[in-house]
Protein backbone atom coordinates (compact mmCIF):
# COMPACT_ATOMS: atom_id res chain seq x y z
CA MET A 1 19.70 33.45 -33.49
CA THR A 2 19.79 32.16 -29.91
CA LEU A 3 18.18 28.74 -29.57
CA TRP A 4 16.81 27.63 -26.21
CA VAL A 5 15.35 24.14 -25.71
CA PHE A 6 13.24 23.11 -22.72
CA GLY A 7 14.41 19.86 -21.13
CA TYR A 8 11.94 18.17 -18.81
CA ALA A 9 12.76 14.44 -19.28
CA SER A 10 15.43 12.72 -21.39
CA LEU A 11 16.85 16.03 -22.61
CA LEU A 12 17.96 16.59 -18.99
CA TRP A 13 20.41 13.71 -19.15
CA ASN A 14 20.87 13.19 -22.86
CA PRO A 15 20.47 16.44 -24.78
CA GLY A 16 22.35 15.12 -27.83
CA PHE A 17 23.48 18.57 -28.92
CA PRO A 18 26.20 20.99 -27.77
CA VAL A 19 24.87 23.00 -24.81
CA ALA A 20 26.39 26.40 -24.04
CA GLU A 21 24.25 27.16 -20.98
CA ARG A 22 21.96 25.28 -18.59
CA VAL A 23 19.54 27.21 -16.40
CA GLN A 24 16.62 25.93 -14.36
CA GLY A 25 13.36 27.08 -15.90
CA ARG A 26 9.63 26.86 -15.42
CA LEU A 27 7.04 26.39 -18.14
CA HIS A 28 3.56 27.56 -17.16
CA GLY A 29 0.41 25.91 -18.45
CA TYR A 30 1.88 22.42 -18.87
CA ALA A 31 2.43 19.40 -16.63
CA ARG A 32 5.07 16.68 -17.02
CA SER A 33 3.36 13.28 -17.11
CA PHE A 34 3.67 9.78 -18.52
CA CYS A 35 0.86 10.49 -20.99
CA MET A 36 2.47 9.23 -24.19
CA TYR A 37 2.73 5.63 -25.35
CA SER A 38 6.22 5.00 -26.70
CA ILE A 39 6.26 2.74 -29.74
CA HIS A 40 9.83 3.50 -30.87
CA HIS A 41 12.33 4.59 -28.19
CA ARG A 42 11.04 2.88 -25.00
CA GLY A 43 8.55 0.36 -26.34
CA THR A 44 7.24 -1.17 -29.55
CA GLU A 45 3.93 -1.08 -31.38
CA GLU A 46 3.19 -4.55 -29.98
CA THR A 47 4.28 -3.68 -26.42
CA PRO A 48 4.22 0.10 -25.96
CA GLY A 49 6.16 1.76 -23.20
CA LEU A 50 5.49 5.16 -21.69
CA VAL A 51 7.42 8.40 -21.96
CA LEU A 52 6.97 11.75 -20.34
CA ALA A 53 5.33 14.54 -22.27
CA LEU A 54 4.22 18.07 -21.61
CA ASP A 55 0.46 17.94 -21.23
CA GLU A 56 -1.30 21.30 -21.52
CA GLN A 57 -3.25 21.95 -18.32
CA GLU A 58 -4.65 25.20 -16.99
CA GLY A 59 -2.87 26.29 -13.81
CA ALA A 60 -0.09 23.68 -14.14
CA SER A 61 3.63 24.31 -14.38
CA CYS A 62 6.64 22.16 -15.16
CA ASP A 63 10.17 22.72 -13.87
CA GLY A 64 13.15 21.59 -15.89
CA LEU A 65 16.21 22.97 -17.65
CA ALA A 66 16.49 25.64 -20.28
CA LEU A 67 19.29 24.47 -22.57
CA ARG A 68 20.95 27.08 -24.81
CA ALA A 69 22.43 25.50 -27.91
CA ALA A 70 26.06 26.36 -28.55
CA PRO A 71 26.41 29.31 -30.96
CA GLY A 72 26.68 28.09 -34.53
CA SER A 73 24.94 24.78 -33.79
CA GLU A 74 21.34 26.04 -33.95
CA ASP A 75 20.38 24.59 -37.36
CA GLU A 76 21.98 21.22 -36.65
CA THR A 77 20.39 21.15 -33.19
CA LEU A 78 16.90 21.76 -34.56
CA ALA A 79 17.39 19.11 -37.24
CA TYR A 80 18.60 16.63 -34.63
CA LEU A 81 15.74 17.37 -32.24
CA ARG A 82 13.14 17.05 -34.98
CA GLU A 83 14.50 13.67 -36.01
CA ARG A 84 14.57 12.50 -32.38
CA GLU A 85 11.36 14.01 -30.99
CA LEU A 86 9.09 13.99 -34.04
CA ILE A 87 9.63 10.31 -34.86
CA SER A 88 5.85 10.02 -34.72
CA SER A 89 3.35 12.85 -34.90
CA ALA A 90 2.48 12.55 -31.19
CA TYR A 91 4.64 15.53 -30.23
CA LEU A 92 4.04 19.06 -31.42
CA GLU A 93 7.02 21.42 -31.65
CA LYS A 94 6.22 24.76 -30.04
CA ARG A 95 8.17 27.83 -28.97
CA LEU A 96 6.97 28.61 -25.49
CA ASP A 97 7.85 31.23 -22.87
CA LEU A 98 10.03 29.99 -20.01
CA SER A 99 10.73 31.77 -16.75
CA LEU A 100 14.37 31.13 -15.84
CA ALA A 101 15.60 30.82 -12.25
CA ASP A 102 17.88 33.83 -12.77
CA GLY A 103 14.93 36.08 -13.68
CA ARG A 104 15.26 36.01 -17.47
CA ARG A 105 12.36 35.07 -19.74
CA VAL A 106 13.17 33.24 -22.95
CA GLN A 107 11.33 31.44 -25.69
CA ALA A 108 12.31 27.79 -25.91
CA VAL A 109 11.62 25.01 -28.35
CA SER A 110 9.40 22.58 -26.44
CA TYR A 111 7.88 19.28 -27.43
CA VAL A 112 4.32 18.90 -26.16
CA ILE A 113 1.86 16.05 -26.58
CA ASP A 114 -0.92 16.27 -29.14
CA PRO A 115 -3.96 15.34 -27.02
CA HIS A 116 -5.77 14.10 -30.14
CA HIS A 117 -3.04 11.62 -31.12
CA VAL A 118 -3.51 7.87 -30.66
CA GLN A 119 -0.36 7.73 -28.47
CA TYR A 120 -1.88 10.12 -25.91
CA CYS A 121 -3.07 8.44 -22.72
CA HIS A 122 -4.03 9.07 -19.11
CA LEU A 123 -3.39 6.05 -16.90
CA PRO A 124 -3.39 5.51 -13.14
CA LEU A 125 0.10 5.39 -11.60
CA GLU A 126 -0.26 1.65 -10.91
CA ASP A 127 -0.82 0.96 -14.63
CA GLN A 128 2.08 3.24 -15.55
CA ALA A 129 4.37 1.28 -13.25
CA ARG A 130 3.37 -2.08 -14.76
CA ILE A 131 3.97 -0.82 -18.30
CA ILE A 132 7.31 0.84 -17.49
CA ALA A 133 8.54 -2.27 -15.66
CA GLN A 134 8.12 -4.42 -18.78
CA ALA A 135 8.62 -2.22 -21.86
CA HIS A 136 11.77 -2.06 -23.98
CA GLY A 137 12.36 -0.11 -27.19
CA GLY A 138 15.03 1.04 -29.61
CA ARG A 139 16.77 3.23 -27.00
CA GLY A 140 16.61 0.65 -24.25
CA PRO A 141 14.43 -0.35 -21.32
CA ASN A 142 11.63 1.91 -20.17
CA THR A 143 12.97 1.53 -16.61
CA GLU A 144 16.23 3.24 -17.61
CA TYR A 145 14.28 6.24 -18.92
CA LEU A 146 12.31 6.52 -15.67
CA TYR A 147 15.35 6.11 -13.40
CA ASN A 148 17.53 8.56 -15.34
CA THR A 149 14.84 11.21 -15.46
CA ALA A 150 14.03 10.91 -11.75
CA THR A 151 17.73 11.01 -10.81
CA HIS A 152 18.45 14.08 -12.90
CA LEU A 153 15.40 15.96 -11.64
CA GLU A 154 16.55 15.23 -8.10
CA GLU A 155 20.09 16.43 -8.94
CA ILE A 156 18.77 19.82 -10.08
CA GLY A 157 16.46 20.09 -7.07
CA VAL A 158 13.16 19.50 -8.83
CA PRO A 159 10.84 17.30 -6.76
CA ASP A 160 8.38 15.10 -8.62
CA PRO A 161 6.40 12.92 -6.17
CA ASP A 162 4.77 10.86 -8.94
CA LEU A 163 8.15 9.94 -10.44
CA HIS A 164 9.55 9.01 -7.03
CA TRP A 165 6.53 6.79 -6.39
CA LEU A 166 6.95 5.20 -9.82
CA VAL A 167 10.65 4.52 -9.19
CA ARG A 168 9.85 2.71 -5.93
CA GLU A 169 6.98 0.74 -7.48
CA VAL A 170 8.87 -0.21 -10.66
CA ARG A 171 11.89 -1.34 -8.61
CA ALA A 172 9.55 -3.54 -6.54
CA LEU A 173 7.89 -4.97 -9.67
CA THR A 174 11.22 -5.76 -11.33
CA GLY A 175 12.85 -7.08 -8.15
CA GLU A 176 15.41 -4.25 -8.14
CA GLY A 177 14.04 -2.70 -4.95
């Protein structure tokens, strides 16, 4: 069994499993956005942070990386991803069709937001920046998550104007700018 995983945020820079192949890919019908309150990894229940999630939207698309798990690691990879990504029930695990940059089409495990979950949110960019600038969770500061994701998207040639705006604004709010 070949296991592909779609990386659109922290999986870009911290997959946590052995990757045999990385290929740019596009997921249709979903947008990457800071639409999930983080109460574990990048915030707490008392002071939630924000993390990126795939939000189902008609006509949208999200560019990222298709990550093929190393042969023989598929079961361990799925177990690891489920422990990491399904820490709360805010994400839904789906196998979705990806269009790869080299012309292939594959099905990839993708973690998408449950729009009915209490952690789902839609906030103006200004509010996102204020939350990200202050939040800290079990995996570190929310700023680190934003900066790493923006840097890695830039490295693979994927522009995301909202993330670039957030980086500038968060750096200004934290005095890092």
